[in-house]
Protein backbone atom coordinates (compact mmCIF):
# COMPACT_ATOMS: atom_id res chain seq x y z
CA MET A 1 0.00 0.00 0.00
CA ALA A 2 0.95 3.60 -0.47
CA THR A 3 0.50 6.84 1.41
CA ILE A 4 -2.10 9.11 -0.21
CA ARG A 5 -1.85 12.88 0.18
CA ASP A 6 -3.01 16.04 -1.54
CA ALA A 7 -0.66 17.09 -4.31
CA THR A 8 1.24 20.38 -4.31
CA PRO A 9 2.69 22.39 -7.20
CA ALA A 10 6.12 20.98 -6.29
CA ASP A 11 4.81 17.56 -7.38
CA ALA A 12 4.27 18.59 -11.02
CA GLY A 13 7.45 16.95 -12.33
CA ALA A 14 6.84 13.64 -10.55
CA ILE A 15 3.21 13.61 -11.71
CA ALA A 16 4.37 14.20 -15.29
CA ALA A 17 6.88 11.33 -15.07
CA VAL A 18 4.17 8.95 -13.83
CA GLN A 19 1.81 10.08 -16.59
CA VAL A 20 4.40 9.43 -19.32
CA ALA A 21 5.29 5.98 -17.94
CA SER A 22 1.63 5.05 -17.51
CA TRP A 23 0.59 6.20 -20.99
CA ARG A 24 3.49 4.35 -22.62
CA ALA A 25 2.50 1.10 -20.90
CA ALA A 26 -1.30 1.33 -20.83
CA TYR A 27 -1.82 2.78 -24.31
CA ARG A 28 0.71 0.65 -26.22
CA GLY A 29 -1.20 -0.73 -29.18
CA LEU A 30 -4.04 1.75 -28.64
CA LEU A 31 -2.16 4.88 -29.72
CA PRO A 32 0.54 5.20 -32.39
CA ASP A 33 4.05 4.35 -31.18
CA GLU A 34 5.36 7.73 -32.35
CA VAL A 35 2.79 9.53 -30.18
CA LEU A 36 3.80 7.54 -27.10
CA ALA A 37 7.51 8.04 -27.85
CA GLY A 38 6.92 11.77 -28.22
CA LEU A 39 5.46 12.22 -24.74
CA SER A 40 7.57 14.71 -22.82
CA VAL A 41 8.07 14.85 -19.07
CA PRO A 42 9.18 18.53 -19.30
CA GLY A 43 6.13 19.37 -21.44
CA LEU A 44 3.72 17.64 -19.05
CA THR A 45 5.49 19.21 -16.07
CA GLN A 46 4.73 22.60 -17.58
CA MET A 47 1.10 21.58 -18.17
CA TRP A 48 0.71 20.36 -14.56
CA THR A 49 2.38 23.51 -13.21
CA GLY A 50 -0.23 25.51 -15.13
CA ARG A 51 -3.05 23.36 -13.81
CA PHE A 52 -1.95 23.89 -10.22
CA ALA A 53 -1.75 27.65 -10.82
CA ALA A 54 -5.25 27.81 -12.32
CA SER A 55 -7.12 24.91 -10.76
CA PRO A 56 -10.88 25.43 -10.75
CA PRO A 57 -12.81 25.67 -7.49
CA ARG A 58 -13.96 22.30 -6.10
CA SER A 59 -11.09 20.42 -7.73
CA SER A 60 -8.45 18.15 -6.22
CA VAL A 61 -5.26 16.32 -7.13
CA VAL A 62 -4.03 13.48 -4.93
CA VAL A 63 -0.79 11.52 -5.16
CA ALA A 64 0.24 8.06 -3.99
CA CYS A 65 3.69 7.82 -2.43
CA ALA A 66 5.86 4.78 -1.87
CA GLY A 67 8.31 6.20 0.62
CA GLU A 68 9.15 9.63 -0.74
CA ALA A 69 8.53 8.70 -4.40
CA ILE A 70 5.28 9.60 -6.13
CA VAL A 71 4.04 6.45 -7.87
CA GLY A 72 0.56 7.56 -8.93
CA PHE A 73 -1.94 10.37 -8.99
CA ALA A 74 -5.60 11.14 -9.57
CA SER A 75 -7.47 14.36 -10.16
CA GLY A 76 -11.03 15.54 -10.44
CA GLY A 77 -13.36 18.49 -10.28
CA PRO A 78 -16.12 20.18 -12.22
CA PRO A 79 -16.78 18.64 -15.65
CA GLU A 80 -14.70 20.01 -18.50
CA SER A 81 -17.30 19.12 -21.16
CA PRO A 82 -19.86 21.87 -21.81
CA ASP A 83 -22.53 19.14 -22.10
CA ASP A 84 -21.98 18.17 -18.45
CA ARG A 85 -21.43 21.58 -16.81
CA ALA A 86 -25.14 22.27 -16.37
CA ASP A 87 -25.34 19.82 -13.44
CA PRO A 88 -23.72 21.46 -10.37
CA ASN A 89 -23.74 18.12 -8.54
CA LEU A 90 -21.69 16.33 -11.22
CA ALA A 91 -17.92 16.00 -10.95
CA ASP A 92 -15.47 14.44 -13.37
CA VAL A 93 -12.49 12.28 -12.56
CA TYR A 94 -9.95 13.82 -14.94
CA THR A 95 -7.04 11.44 -14.41
CA LEU A 96 -6.00 8.32 -12.56
CA TYR A 97 -2.53 7.07 -13.48
CA LEU A 98 -0.10 4.77 -11.76
CA ASP A 99 3.52 3.94 -12.52
CA PRO A 100 3.34 0.50 -14.22
CA ALA A 101 5.92 -0.87 -11.75
CA HIS A 102 3.22 -0.40 -9.08
CA TRP A 103 0.22 -1.89 -10.91
CA ASP A 104 -1.76 -4.67 -9.23
CA ARG A 105 -0.90 -3.65 -5.66
CA GLY A 106 -4.15 -1.91 -4.70
CA ILE A 107 -2.68 1.58 -5.08
CA GLY A 108 -5.00 2.46 -7.96
CA ALA A 109 -7.98 1.64 -5.74
CA GLN A 110 -6.52 3.84 -2.98
CA LEU A 111 -6.17 6.75 -5.43
CA HIS A 112 -9.66 6.13 -6.80
CA ASP A 113 -11.23 6.18 -3.35
CA ALA A 114 -9.25 9.25 -2.30
CA VAL A 115 -10.18 11.37 -5.31
CA LEU A 116 -13.85 10.36 -5.00
CA ALA A 117 -13.79 11.27 -1.30
CA ARG A 118 -12.34 14.70 -2.18
CA LEU A 119 -15.06 15.23 -4.79
CA ALA A 120 -17.79 14.22 -2.34
CA GLY A 121 -16.20 16.61 0.17
CA HIS A 122 -16.57 19.39 -2.41
CA GLY A 123 -20.32 18.72 -2.44
CA PHE A 124 -20.61 16.65 -5.61
CA THR A 125 -23.10 13.74 -5.47
CA HIS A 126 -22.17 11.85 -8.64
CA ALA A 127 -19.27 11.63 -11.04
CA GLY A 128 -18.36 10.80 -14.58
CA LEU A 129 -15.17 10.01 -16.43
CA TRP A 130 -13.95 9.29 -19.94
CA VAL A 131 -11.98 6.09 -20.58
CA LEU A 132 -10.03 5.42 -23.77
CA ALA A 133 -11.93 2.94 -25.95
CA GLY A 134 -10.01 -0.33 -26.05
CA ASN A 135 -8.38 0.24 -22.65
CA GLU A 136 -9.90 -2.92 -21.24
CA ARG A 137 -7.66 -2.92 -18.16
CA ALA A 138 -9.00 0.49 -17.09
CA LEU A 139 -12.57 -0.40 -18.01
CA ARG A 140 -12.44 -3.55 -15.84
CA PHE A 141 -10.98 -1.49 -12.96
CA TYR A 142 -13.75 1.11 -13.14
CA LEU A 143 -16.57 -1.41 -13.51
CA ARG A 144 -15.20 -3.30 -10.46
CA ASN A 145 -15.28 -0.01 -8.56
CA GLY A 146 -18.95 0.82 -9.11
CA TRP A 147 -18.89 2.67 -12.43
CA THR A 148 -21.39 1.98 -15.23
CA ASP A 149 -21.11 2.65 -18.95
CA THR A 150 -23.48 5.44 -20.07
CA GLY A 151 -23.30 4.55 -23.75
CA ARG A 152 -21.97 8.05 -24.54
CA THR A 153 -18.84 8.36 -26.65
CA GLN A 154 -16.65 11.22 -27.79
CA VAL A 155 -13.55 11.87 -29.83
CA ASP A 156 -11.03 14.04 -27.98
CA ARG A 157 -7.66 15.31 -29.20
CA GLY A 158 -4.54 14.04 -27.50
CA PRO A 159 -0.81 14.59 -28.00
CA GLN A 160 0.20 15.42 -31.57
CA GLY A 161 -3.50 15.79 -32.41
CA VAL A 162 -4.14 12.04 -32.18
CA GLU A 163 -7.82 11.15 -31.94
CA LEU A 164 -8.80 9.67 -28.60
CA HIS A 165 -12.01 7.66 -28.89
CA GLU A 166 -13.51 7.60 -25.41
CA ARG A 167 -16.42 6.05 -23.52
CA ARG A 168 -18.31 7.80 -20.72
CA LEU A 169 -18.75 6.09 -17.35
CA GLN A 170 -20.69 7.32 -14.32
CA ARG A 171 -21.36 6.50 -10.68
CA ASN A 172 -22.84 7.92 -7.51
CA LEU A 173 -20.27 9.17 -5.04
CA ASP A 174 -21.93 7.31 -2.20
CA ALA A 175 -21.64 3.97 -4.06
CA GLY A 176 -19.31 1.57 -2.32
């Protein structure tokens, strides 16, 4: 198990490193190799630094630490999609990534529970998230943890403009 704590701006570089490692492992075969190879820890560090500086109200980022090292993170807050912003009780889980060396140890579930607790603490009653189509490992994780598929899909733009075909999941924040 890991120690879960709220993230700080000083964690941006470690969060970026986890995100790159996680994407390269989890999305191999789902995204083009050149897109995964082009992921940049410095670029994502800059993005995370910006997110910490301009985080919306009622949002949270949590990290999982093994000793002093950050091995995973999760974030959530108000929905980013205009279609979902009309519901003030709806939150989105934006991210949940874990260093692949720490998969299958229960740390992802710890992060999941922590970010949902933060969202409930911000007054949200239910949540949604987008999962990359074909990412069966993530889909199994979320379904095991009380999420249901809404049937909604979208195409988002990722690194280098790659199309990200995504599925929408939802759950109540009081669901165990």
